Amino acid sequence: MRQFTYPDVGATDRPYPERLDGGWPEGYRRMVESHGIEAADPAAAFLALVDGILSWELHRGAGLTMAPDAPRAAPGGEVVSGFGIGRARIPAPCRVVWAREALLDGGGRAVPGQRAGFGYGTLKGHPVRGEEGFHAELTAGGKLIFTCSAYSVPANLLYAIGSPVTRLTQRYVLSRYGEAARKLAAR
């Protein structure tokens, strides 16, 4: 099994109600972006969003190519995502660190006060070293929130020199995740 490229594995695993806005490992560039999602039925929208996150549809909806080793994110599973066009597509290999399915009540509805999704960490060949988490949250008050959290540093000197471009790319993809999450929740 290939090793992760960073030592601080698992810091994106934040079960509800643990906060996502602090407590990150030192020495990394951190990004946390949250989007409230309006829905007529937040519990149903939460289930649709969780399914889209765990089945890689969030990533595909954000414009990434995805080559997972399984149809659903699960701990230990590997995936190579890609951003770019044709030969300019940069492969980004990762392994799933944690995954959490939605909790359901006896009637099959999502239980308020939970967070589901997954986090994956970088493997050799990824342009950065670190971890990213994709969180669907159904608050105790019934609000639906999507959050992407990440901490990373450039993988090598070449990527460090290009880090302004890498940061812009990460910001762009983060905004695309928010759009994709809204579409998934509306299914």
N, C-alpha and C. Protein backbone atom coordinates (compact mmCIF):
# COMPACT_ATOMS: atom_id res chain seq x y z
N MET A 1 0.85 -1.18 0.00
CA MET A 1 0.00 0.00 0.00
C MET A 1 0.89 1.24 0.00
N ARG A 2 0.60 2.17 -0.90
CA ARG A 2 1.38 3.41 -0.97
C ARG A 2 1.14 4.26 0.27
N GLN A 3 2.17 4.98 0.69
CA GLN A 3 2.09 5.81 1.88
C GLN A 3 1.52 7.19 1.54
N PHE A 4 0.85 7.79 2.52
CA PHE A 4 0.42 9.17 2.37
C PHE A 4 1.66 10.06 2.28
N THR A 5 1.54 11.21 1.66
CA THR A 5 2.67 12.13 1.47
C THR A 5 2.75 13.19 2.55
N TYR A 6 2.01 13.04 3.63
CA TYR A 6 1.99 14.03 4.71
C TYR A 6 1.76 13.28 6.03
N PRO A 7 2.24 13.83 7.15
CA PRO A 7 2.14 13.10 8.41
C PRO A 7 0.83 13.29 9.18
N ASP A 8 0.10 14.33 8.91
CA ASP A 8 -1.06 14.69 9.73
C ASP A 8 -2.36 14.13 9.15
N VAL A 9 -2.44 12.83 9.05
CA VAL A 9 -3.57 12.15 8.42
C VAL A 9 -4.79 12.16 9.34
N GLY A 10 -5.93 12.53 8.77
CA GLY A 10 -7.20 12.41 9.47
C GLY A 10 -7.77 13.67 10.08
N ALA A 11 -7.12 14.80 9.92
CA ALA A 11 -7.61 16.03 10.57
C ALA A 11 -8.90 16.58 9.95
N THR A 12 -9.29 16.11 8.77
CA THR A 12 -10.58 16.57 8.21
C THR A 12 -11.75 15.78 8.77
N ASP A 13 -11.48 14.72 9.51
CA ASP A 13 -12.56 13.90 10.08
C ASP A 13 -13.13 14.64 11.29
N ARG A 14 -14.24 15.33 11.07
CA ARG A 14 -14.86 16.16 12.10
C ARG A 14 -16.35 15.81 12.23
N PRO A 15 -16.68 14.82 13.04
CA PRO A 15 -18.09 14.48 13.22
C PRO A 15 -18.87 15.65 13.84
N TYR A 16 -20.14 15.71 13.54
CA TYR A 16 -21.03 16.72 14.10
C TYR A 16 -21.07 16.56 15.62
N PRO A 17 -21.01 17.61 16.39
CA PRO A 17 -21.00 19.04 16.07
C PRO A 17 -19.62 19.68 16.11
N GLU A 18 -18.55 18.88 15.97
CA GLU A 18 -17.20 19.45 16.02
C GLU A 18 -17.05 20.54 14.97
N ARG A 19 -16.39 21.62 15.35
CA ARG A 19 -16.24 22.77 14.46
C ARG A 19 -15.26 22.47 13.32
N LEU A 20 -15.50 23.13 12.20
CA LEU A 20 -14.64 22.97 11.03
C LEU A 20 -13.75 24.19 10.81
N ASP A 21 -13.84 25.18 11.67
CA ASP A 21 -13.11 26.42 11.43
C ASP A 21 -11.85 26.59 12.27
N GLY A 22 -11.34 25.54 12.85
CA GLY A 22 -10.11 25.64 13.63
C GLY A 22 -9.57 24.27 13.95
N GLY A 23 -8.43 24.25 14.67
CA GLY A 23 -7.84 22.99 15.08
C GLY A 23 -7.11 22.24 13.98
N TRP A 24 -6.68 22.95 12.94
CA TRP A 24 -5.99 22.30 11.83
C TRP A 24 -4.51 22.14 12.15
N PRO A 25 -3.84 21.15 11.55
CA PRO A 25 -2.41 20.98 11.77
C PRO A 25 -1.63 22.23 11.35
N GLU A 26 -0.56 22.52 12.07
CA GLU A 26 0.29 23.68 11.77
C GLU A 26 1.15 23.43 10.53
N GLY A 27 1.52 24.52 9.86
CA GLY A 27 2.45 24.45 8.74
C GLY A 27 1.81 24.24 7.39
N TYR A 28 0.50 24.19 7.33
CA TYR A 28 -0.22 23.99 6.07
C TYR A 28 -1.01 25.25 5.71
N ARG A 29 -1.26 25.40 4.43
CA ARG A 29 -2.24 26.40 3.99
C ARG A 29 -3.60 25.74 4.18
N ARG A 30 -4.49 26.44 4.84
CA ARG A 30 -5.81 25.88 5.15
C ARG A 30 -6.89 26.62 4.37
N MET A 31 -7.87 25.87 3.92
CA MET A 31 -9.04 26.45 3.26
C MET A 31 -10.27 25.75 3.78
N VAL A 32 -11.25 26.53 4.20
CA VAL A 32 -12.53 25.99 4.62
C VAL A 32 -13.58 26.88 3.98
N GLU A 33 -14.44 26.27 3.18
CA GLU A 33 -15.50 27.03 2.51
C GLU A 33 -16.82 26.33 2.75
N SER A 34 -17.79 27.07 3.30
CA SER A 34 -19.11 26.51 3.60
C SER A 34 -20.18 27.21 2.77
N HIS A 35 -21.19 26.44 2.42
CA HIS A 35 -22.32 26.96 1.64
C HIS A 35 -23.61 26.47 2.28
N GLY A 36 -24.45 27.39 2.72
CA GLY A 36 -25.78 27.02 3.15
C GLY A 36 -26.59 26.70 1.90
N ILE A 37 -27.38 25.65 1.96
CA ILE A 37 -28.18 25.24 0.80
C ILE A 37 -29.65 25.27 1.19
N GLU A 38 -30.41 26.09 0.49
CA GLU A 38 -31.84 26.18 0.73
C GLU A 38 -32.53 25.00 0.08
N ALA A 39 -33.45 24.40 0.80
CA ALA A 39 -34.19 23.26 0.27
C ALA A 39 -35.56 23.20 0.94
N ALA A 40 -36.58 22.84 0.17
CA ALA A 40 -37.92 22.70 0.73
C ALA A 40 -37.93 21.58 1.78
N ASP A 41 -37.17 20.53 1.53
CA ASP A 41 -37.05 19.41 2.47
C ASP A 41 -35.57 19.18 2.74
N PRO A 42 -34.99 19.87 3.72
CA PRO A 42 -33.55 19.76 3.97
C PRO A 42 -33.08 18.33 4.26
N ALA A 43 -33.91 17.52 4.92
CA ALA A 43 -33.50 16.14 5.23
C ALA A 43 -33.34 15.33 3.95
N ALA A 44 -34.26 15.47 3.01
CA ALA A 44 -34.16 14.75 1.73
C ALA A 44 -33.00 15.29 0.90
N ALA A 45 -32.81 16.61 0.90
CA ALA A 45 -31.71 17.22 0.16
C ALA A 45 -30.37 16.77 0.74
N PHE A 46 -30.30 16.62 2.07
CA PHE A 46 -29.09 16.13 2.73
C PHE A 46 -28.75 14.73 2.22
N LEU A 47 -29.74 13.86 2.14
CA LEU A 47 -29.49 12.49 1.66
C LEU A 47 -29.00 12.48 0.22
N ALA A 48 -29.59 13.33 -0.61
CA ALA A 48 -29.15 13.42 -2.01
C ALA A 48 -27.72 13.94 -2.09
N LEU A 49 -27.40 14.92 -1.27
CA LEU A 49 -26.05 15.48 -1.27
C LEU A 49 -25.04 14.45 -0.77
N VAL A 50 -25.34 13.76 0.31
CA VAL A 50 -24.43 12.74 0.83
C VAL A 50 -24.18 11.67 -0.23
N ASP A 51 -25.23 11.22 -0.89
CA ASP A 51 -25.07 10.21 -1.93
C ASP A 51 -24.16 10.73 -3.04
N GLY A 52 -24.35 11.99 -3.45
CA GLY A 52 -23.51 12.57 -4.50
C GLY A 52 -22.06 12.74 -4.09
N ILE A 53 -21.84 13.08 -2.83
CA ILE A 53 -20.46 13.20 -2.34
C ILE A 53 -19.79 11.83 -2.33
N LEU A 54 -20.44 10.85 -1.74
CA LEU A 54 -19.83 9.53 -1.59
C LEU A 54 -19.69 8.76 -2.90
N SER A 55 -20.49 9.11 -3.92
CA SER A 55 -20.42 8.42 -5.21
C SER A 55 -19.57 9.18 -6.23
N TRP A 56 -18.79 10.16 -5.77
CA TRP A 56 -17.86 10.93 -6.60
C TRP A 56 -18.55 11.92 -7.53
N GLU A 57 -19.88 12.03 -7.48
CA GLU A 57 -20.60 12.94 -8.37
C GLU A 57 -20.31 14.41 -8.05
N LEU A 58 -20.03 14.72 -6.80
CA LEU A 58 -19.65 16.09 -6.44
C LEU A 58 -18.43 16.52 -7.25
N HIS A 59 -17.45 15.66 -7.31
CA HIS A 59 -16.20 15.96 -8.02
C HIS A 59 -16.42 16.07 -9.52
N ARG A 60 -17.19 15.12 -10.05
CA ARG A 60 -17.48 15.18 -11.49
C ARG A 60 -18.26 16.44 -11.82
N GLY A 61 -19.20 16.81 -10.95
CA GLY A 61 -19.98 18.02 -11.15
C GLY A 61 -19.15 19.28 -11.07
N ALA A 62 -18.00 19.20 -10.40
CA ALA A 62 -17.10 20.35 -10.31
C ALA A 62 -16.12 20.39 -11.48
N GLY A 63 -16.23 19.42 -12.40
CA GLY A 63 -15.40 19.43 -13.59
C GLY A 63 -14.15 18.58 -13.52
N LEU A 64 -14.02 17.76 -12.49
CA LEU A 64 -12.85 16.88 -12.38
C LEU A 64 -13.15 15.53 -13.02
N THR A 65 -12.12 14.90 -13.57
CA THR A 65 -12.27 13.51 -13.98
C THR A 65 -11.96 12.67 -12.74
N MET A 66 -12.64 11.58 -12.60
CA MET A 66 -12.44 10.73 -11.43
C MET A 66 -12.25 9.29 -11.89
N ALA A 67 -11.18 8.66 -11.38
CA ALA A 67 -10.91 7.25 -11.65
C ALA A 67 -10.76 6.55 -10.29
N PRO A 68 -11.91 6.25 -9.65
CA PRO A 68 -11.85 5.58 -8.34
C PRO A 68 -11.73 4.07 -8.51
N ASP A 69 -11.24 3.42 -7.44
CA ASP A 69 -11.16 1.96 -7.47
C ASP A 69 -12.46 1.32 -6.98
N ALA A 70 -13.43 2.13 -6.57
CA ALA A 70 -14.73 1.64 -6.12
C ALA A 70 -15.78 2.71 -6.45
N PRO A 71 -17.03 2.31 -6.64
CA PRO A 71 -18.06 3.29 -7.00
C PRO A 71 -18.43 4.25 -5.87
N ARG A 72 -18.02 3.93 -4.65
CA ARG A 72 -18.37 4.76 -3.50
C ARG A 72 -17.14 4.95 -2.61
N ALA A 73 -16.96 6.15 -2.09
CA ALA A 73 -15.83 6.44 -1.21
C ALA A 73 -15.94 5.61 0.07
N ALA A 74 -14.86 4.94 0.42
CA ALA A 74 -14.77 4.14 1.64
C ALA A 74 -13.32 4.17 2.11
N PRO A 75 -13.08 4.10 3.42
CA PRO A 75 -11.71 4.14 3.91
C PRO A 75 -10.82 3.12 3.21
N GLY A 76 -9.64 3.59 2.79
CA GLY A 76 -8.68 2.74 2.11
C GLY A 76 -8.82 2.75 0.60
N GLY A 77 -9.97 3.21 0.09
CA GLY A 77 -10.16 3.27 -1.36
C GLY A 77 -9.27 4.34 -1.98
N GLU A 78 -8.85 4.09 -3.20
CA GLU A 78 -8.00 5.06 -3.89
C GLU A 78 -8.71 5.61 -5.11
N VAL A 79 -8.33 6.84 -5.46
CA VAL A 79 -8.91 7.53 -6.60
C VAL A 79 -7.84 8.44 -7.20
N VAL A 80 -7.88 8.57 -8.51
CA VAL A 80 -7.03 9.56 -9.18
C VAL A 80 -7.98 10.55 -9.83
N SER A 81 -7.92 11.78 -9.34
CA SER A 81 -8.72 12.83 -9.96
C SER A 81 -7.83 13.58 -10.93
N GLY A 82 -8.46 14.33 -11.81
CA GLY A 82 -7.69 15.09 -12.79
C GLY A 82 -8.36 16.41 -13.08
N PHE A 83 -7.54 17.44 -13.20
CA PHE A 83 -8.03 18.77 -13.54
C PHE A 83 -7.21 19.27 -14.72
N GLY A 84 -7.87 19.85 -15.69
CA GLY A 84 -7.19 20.36 -16.87
C GLY A 84 -7.84 19.79 -18.13
N ILE A 85 -7.12 19.95 -19.24
CA ILE A 85 -7.66 19.52 -20.53
C ILE A 85 -6.62 18.65 -21.24
N GLY A 86 -7.07 17.51 -21.75
CA GLY A 86 -6.20 16.64 -22.54
C GLY A 86 -4.90 16.29 -21.84
N ARG A 87 -3.77 16.50 -22.55
CA ARG A 87 -2.45 16.19 -21.98
C ARG A 87 -2.08 17.16 -20.86
N ALA A 88 -2.78 18.26 -20.76
CA ALA A 88 -2.50 19.24 -19.69
C ALA A 88 -3.24 18.87 -18.40
N ARG A 89 -3.90 17.73 -18.40
CA ARG A 89 -4.61 17.28 -17.21
C ARG A 89 -3.60 16.77 -16.19
N ILE A 90 -3.69 17.29 -14.97
CA ILE A 90 -2.77 16.91 -13.89
C ILE A 90 -3.43 15.82 -13.06
N PRO A 91 -2.79 14.64 -12.95
CA PRO A 91 -3.36 13.57 -12.11
C PRO A 91 -3.10 13.86 -10.64
N ALA A 92 -4.07 13.53 -9.82
CA ALA A 92 -3.97 13.79 -8.38
C ALA A 92 -4.41 12.54 -7.61
N PRO A 93 -3.48 11.61 -7.33
CA PRO A 93 -3.85 10.38 -6.62
C PRO A 93 -4.07 10.61 -5.12
N CYS A 94 -5.13 10.00 -4.61
CA CYS A 94 -5.49 10.13 -3.19
C CYS A 94 -6.02 8.80 -2.65
N ARG A 95 -6.02 8.69 -1.32
CA ARG A 95 -6.64 7.55 -0.64
C ARG A 95 -7.65 8.09 0.36
N VAL A 96 -8.80 7.46 0.42
CA VAL A 96 -9.84 7.87 1.36
C VAL A 96 -9.39 7.54 2.78
N VAL A 97 -9.42 8.54 3.63
CA VAL A 97 -8.99 8.41 5.03
C VAL A 97 -10.18 8.01 5.91
N TRP A 98 -11.31 8.65 5.66
CA TRP A 98 -12.52 8.38 6.44
C TRP A 98 -13.73 8.59 5.53
N ALA A 99 -14.82 7.94 5.87
CA ALA A 99 -16.09 8.13 5.16
C ALA A 99 -17.22 7.91 6.15
N ARG A 100 -18.25 8.67 6.02
CA ARG A 100 -19.39 8.58 6.95
C ARG A 100 -20.68 8.66 6.15
N GLU A 101 -21.50 7.62 6.27
CA GLU A 101 -22.82 7.58 5.64
C GLU A 101 -23.81 8.37 6.48
N ALA A 102 -24.94 8.72 5.90
CA ALA A 102 -26.01 9.42 6.62
C ALA A 102 -26.67 8.48 7.62
N LEU A 103 -27.03 9.03 8.76
CA LEU A 103 -27.79 8.29 9.76
C LEU A 103 -29.28 8.49 9.50
N LEU A 104 -30.04 7.39 9.51
CA LEU A 104 -31.47 7.45 9.20
C LEU A 104 -32.29 7.08 10.42
N ASP A 105 -33.48 7.65 10.50
CA ASP A 105 -34.41 7.25 11.57
C ASP A 105 -35.17 6.01 11.11
N GLY A 106 -36.11 5.52 11.91
CA GLY A 106 -36.87 4.32 11.58
C GLY A 106 -37.70 4.43 10.32
N GLY A 107 -38.00 5.68 9.92
CA GLY A 107 -38.79 5.91 8.70
C GLY A 107 -37.94 6.15 7.47
N GLY A 108 -36.61 6.04 7.60
CA GLY A 108 -35.74 6.23 6.45
C GLY A 108 -35.38 7.67 6.16
N ARG A 109 -35.68 8.57 7.09
CA ARG A 109 -35.33 9.99 6.91
C ARG A 109 -34.05 10.31 7.65
N ALA A 110 -33.34 11.32 7.16
CA ALA A 110 -32.09 11.74 7.79
C ALA A 110 -32.36 12.31 9.18
N VAL A 111 -31.56 11.89 10.12
CA VAL A 111 -31.65 12.38 11.50
C VAL A 111 -30.98 13.75 11.57
N PRO A 112 -31.66 14.78 12.09
CA PRO A 112 -31.00 16.08 12.24
C PRO A 112 -29.84 15.99 13.23
N GLY A 113 -28.86 16.87 13.05
CA GLY A 113 -27.70 16.89 13.93
C GLY A 113 -26.65 15.88 13.52
N GLN A 114 -26.24 15.90 12.25
CA GLN A 114 -25.21 14.97 11.78
C GLN A 114 -24.44 15.57 10.62
N ARG A 115 -23.29 14.97 10.39
CA ARG A 115 -22.43 15.34 9.27
C ARG A 115 -21.99 14.04 8.61
N ALA A 116 -22.04 14.00 7.28
CA ALA A 116 -21.62 12.83 6.52
C ALA A 116 -20.74 13.29 5.36
N GLY A 117 -20.03 12.36 4.76
CA GLY A 117 -19.15 12.67 3.64
C GLY A 117 -17.88 11.86 3.73
N PHE A 118 -16.78 12.41 3.23
CA PHE A 118 -15.50 11.70 3.31
C PHE A 118 -14.34 12.68 3.22
N GLY A 119 -13.18 12.17 3.57
CA GLY A 119 -11.94 12.92 3.41
C GLY A 119 -10.90 12.03 2.78
N TYR A 120 -10.07 12.63 1.92
CA TYR A 120 -8.99 11.85 1.34
C TYR A 120 -7.67 12.58 1.43
N GLY A 121 -6.60 11.78 1.47
CA GLY A 121 -5.25 12.32 1.60
C GLY A 121 -4.44 12.03 0.36
N THR A 122 -3.42 12.85 0.16
CA THR A 122 -2.61 12.76 -1.04
C THR A 122 -1.61 11.61 -1.01
N LEU A 123 -1.38 11.08 -2.21
CA LEU A 123 -0.38 10.05 -2.44
C LEU A 123 0.67 10.60 -3.39
N LYS A 124 1.78 9.89 -3.55
CA LYS A 124 2.85 10.34 -4.43
C LYS A 124 2.31 10.61 -5.83
N GLY A 125 2.71 11.75 -6.39
CA GLY A 125 2.25 12.15 -7.71
C GLY A 125 1.23 13.27 -7.66
N HIS A 126 0.67 13.54 -6.48
CA HIS A 126 -0.28 14.64 -6.31
C HIS A 126 0.51 15.95 -6.25
N PRO A 127 -0.02 17.04 -6.81
CA PRO A 127 0.72 18.31 -6.80
C PRO A 127 0.85 18.96 -5.41
N VAL A 128 0.06 18.52 -4.45
CA VAL A 128 0.20 19.03 -3.08
C VAL A 128 0.31 17.85 -2.12
N ARG A 129 0.67 18.14 -0.89
CA ARG A 129 0.69 17.16 0.19
C ARG A 129 -0.33 17.62 1.21
N GLY A 130 -1.31 16.81 1.53
CA GLY A 130 -2.31 17.19 2.52
C GLY A 130 -3.60 16.42 2.36
N GLU A 131 -4.66 17.03 2.83
CA GLU A 131 -5.94 16.33 2.92
C GLU A 131 -7.09 17.27 2.61
N GLU A 132 -8.17 16.69 2.10
CA GLU A 132 -9.37 17.46 1.79
C GLU A 132 -10.58 16.68 2.28
N GLY A 133 -11.52 17.38 2.88
CA GLY A 133 -12.74 16.76 3.38
C GLY A 133 -13.97 17.38 2.74
N PHE A 134 -14.97 16.57 2.51
CA PHE A 134 -16.22 16.98 1.88
C PHE A 134 -17.35 16.62 2.83
N HIS A 135 -18.00 17.63 3.39
CA HIS A 135 -18.94 17.45 4.49
C HIS A 135 -20.34 17.94 4.11
N ALA A 136 -21.31 17.09 4.24
CA ALA A 136 -22.72 17.49 4.18
C ALA A 136 -23.21 17.49 5.62
N GLU A 137 -23.83 18.57 6.03
CA GLU A 137 -24.28 18.68 7.42
C GLU A 137 -25.76 19.02 7.45
N LEU A 138 -26.48 18.29 8.27
CA LEU A 138 -27.87 18.61 8.56
C LEU A 138 -27.88 19.01 10.03
N THR A 139 -28.02 20.30 10.29
CA THR A 139 -27.90 20.79 11.66
C THR A 139 -29.07 20.29 12.51
N ALA A 140 -28.92 20.41 13.82
CA ALA A 140 -29.99 20.03 14.73
C ALA A 140 -31.25 20.84 14.45
N GLY A 141 -31.06 22.05 13.93
CA GLY A 141 -32.19 22.92 13.58
C GLY A 141 -32.74 22.69 12.18
N GLY A 142 -32.19 21.70 11.46
CA GLY A 142 -32.71 21.34 10.14
C GLY A 142 -32.16 22.15 8.97
N LYS A 143 -31.04 22.83 9.14
CA LYS A 143 -30.41 23.55 8.03
C LYS A 143 -29.40 22.64 7.34
N LEU A 144 -29.30 22.81 6.02
CA LEU A 144 -28.38 22.02 5.22
C LEU A 144 -27.16 22.87 4.87
N ILE A 145 -25.97 22.33 5.14
CA ILE A 145 -24.73 23.04 4.88
C ILE A 145 -23.76 22.09 4.20
N PHE A 146 -23.10 22.58 3.14
CA PHE A 146 -22.00 21.84 2.52
C PHE A 146 -20.72 22.57 2.85
N THR A 147 -19.70 21.83 3.28
CA THR A 147 -18.40 22.41 3.59
C THR A 147 -17.30 21.57 2.97
N CYS A 148 -16.35 22.26 2.36
CA CYS A 148 -15.12 21.62 1.89
C CYS A 148 -14.00 22.17 2.75
N SER A 149 -13.21 21.30 3.34
CA SER A 149 -12.08 21.70 4.17
C SER A 149 -10.82 21.08 3.61
N ALA A 150 -9.73 21.84 3.66
CA ALA A 150 -8.48 21.31 3.13
C ALA A 150 -7.30 21.94 3.85
N TYR A 151 -6.24 21.16 3.96
CA TYR A 151 -4.95 21.69 4.41
C TYR A 151 -3.89 21.05 3.53
N SER A 152 -2.97 21.89 3.04
CA SER A 152 -1.99 21.37 2.09
C SER A 152 -0.77 22.28 1.98
N VAL A 153 0.29 21.72 1.43
CA VAL A 153 1.49 22.45 1.03
C VAL A 153 1.89 21.89 -0.33
N PRO A 154 2.65 22.66 -1.14
CA PRO A 154 3.10 22.13 -2.43
C PRO A 154 3.91 20.85 -2.24
N ALA A 155 3.77 19.93 -3.19
CA ALA A 155 4.43 18.63 -3.09
C ALA A 155 5.93 18.70 -3.32
N ASN A 156 6.39 19.66 -4.11
CA ASN A 156 7.82 19.78 -4.38
C ASN A 156 8.14 21.20 -4.83
N LEU A 157 9.41 21.46 -5.14
CA LEU A 157 9.85 22.80 -5.49
C LEU A 157 9.14 23.33 -6.73
N LEU A 158 8.95 22.48 -7.73
CA LEU A 158 8.27 22.91 -8.95
C LEU A 158 6.87 23.42 -8.63
N TYR A 159 6.12 22.68 -7.82
CA TYR A 159 4.78 23.11 -7.45
C TYR A 159 4.83 24.31 -6.50
N ALA A 160 5.88 24.42 -5.70
CA ALA A 160 6.02 25.59 -4.82
C ALA A 160 6.21 26.85 -5.65
N ILE A 161 7.00 26.76 -6.72
CA ILE A 161 7.20 27.91 -7.61
C ILE A 161 5.88 28.29 -8.26
N GLY A 162 5.09 27.29 -8.61
CA GLY A 162 3.79 27.54 -9.24
C GLY A 162 2.65 27.68 -8.25
N SER A 163 2.96 27.84 -6.96
CA SER A 163 1.90 27.84 -5.95
C SER A 163 0.84 28.93 -6.13
N PRO A 164 1.17 30.13 -6.66
CA PRO A 164 0.06 31.07 -6.91
C PRO A 164 -0.99 30.50 -7.87
N VAL A 165 -0.53 29.78 -8.89
CA VAL A 165 -1.46 29.15 -9.83
C VAL A 165 -2.22 28.02 -9.14
N THR A 166 -1.51 27.25 -8.33
CA THR A 166 -2.15 26.15 -7.60
C THR A 166 -3.24 26.68 -6.68
N ARG A 167 -2.95 27.78 -5.96
CA ARG A 167 -3.96 28.37 -5.07
C ARG A 167 -5.18 28.85 -5.83
N LEU A 168 -4.94 29.50 -6.98
CA LEU A 168 -6.08 29.95 -7.80
C LEU A 168 -6.90 28.77 -8.29
N THR A 169 -6.22 27.71 -8.68
CA THR A 169 -6.91 26.50 -9.14
C THR A 169 -7.73 25.90 -8.00
N GLN A 170 -7.12 25.81 -6.81
CA GLN A 170 -7.85 25.27 -5.66
C GLN A 170 -9.09 26.12 -5.35
N ARG A 171 -8.94 27.44 -5.38
CA ARG A 171 -10.09 28.32 -5.11
C ARG A 171 -11.19 28.12 -6.16
N TYR A 172 -10.77 28.00 -7.42
CA TYR A 172 -11.74 27.78 -8.49
C TYR A 172 -12.50 26.47 -8.28
N VAL A 173 -11.76 25.39 -7.99
CA VAL A 173 -12.40 24.09 -7.79
C VAL A 173 -13.31 24.14 -6.56
N LEU A 174 -12.88 24.83 -5.49
CA LEU A 174 -13.74 24.97 -4.30
C LEU A 174 -15.07 25.63 -4.67
N SER A 175 -15.02 26.67 -5.49
CA SER A 175 -16.28 27.33 -5.87
C SER A 175 -17.14 26.39 -6.72
N ARG A 176 -16.51 25.57 -7.54
CA ARG A 176 -17.25 24.60 -8.36
C ARG A 176 -17.88 23.51 -7.48
N TYR A 177 -17.20 23.12 -6.40
CA TYR A 177 -17.79 22.16 -5.47
C TYR A 177 -19.08 22.72 -4.88
N GLY A 178 -19.08 23.99 -4.53
CA GLY A 178 -20.29 24.60 -3.97
C GLY A 178 -21.45 24.55 -4.95
N GLU A 179 -21.18 24.87 -6.20
CA GLU A 179 -22.22 24.80 -7.23
C GLU A 179 -22.72 23.37 -7.42
N ALA A 180 -21.77 22.43 -7.48
CA ALA A 180 -22.15 21.02 -7.67
C ALA A 180 -22.97 20.52 -6.48
N ALA A 181 -22.61 20.95 -5.26
CA ALA A 181 -23.36 20.53 -4.06
C ALA A 181 -24.81 21.01 -4.13
N ARG A 182 -25.02 22.22 -4.57
CA ARG A 182 -26.40 22.75 -4.69
C ARG A 182 -27.21 21.91 -5.69
N LYS A 183 -26.59 21.57 -6.80
CA LYS A 183 -27.29 20.76 -7.81
C LYS A 183 -27.60 19.36 -7.29
N LEU A 184 -26.65 18.75 -6.59
CA LEU A 184 -26.88 17.42 -6.04
C LEU A 184 -28.01 17.45 -5.02
N ALA A 185 -28.04 18.45 -4.17
CA ALA A 185 -29.08 18.56 -3.13
C ALA A 185 -30.46 18.77 -3.73
N ALA A 186 -30.52 19.31 -4.94
CA ALA A 186 -31.80 19.59 -5.59
C ALA A 186 -32.37 18.38 -6.32
N ARG A 187 -31.65 17.27 -6.37
CA ARG A 187 -32.11 16.06 -7.07
C ARG A 187 -33.36 15.50 -6.43
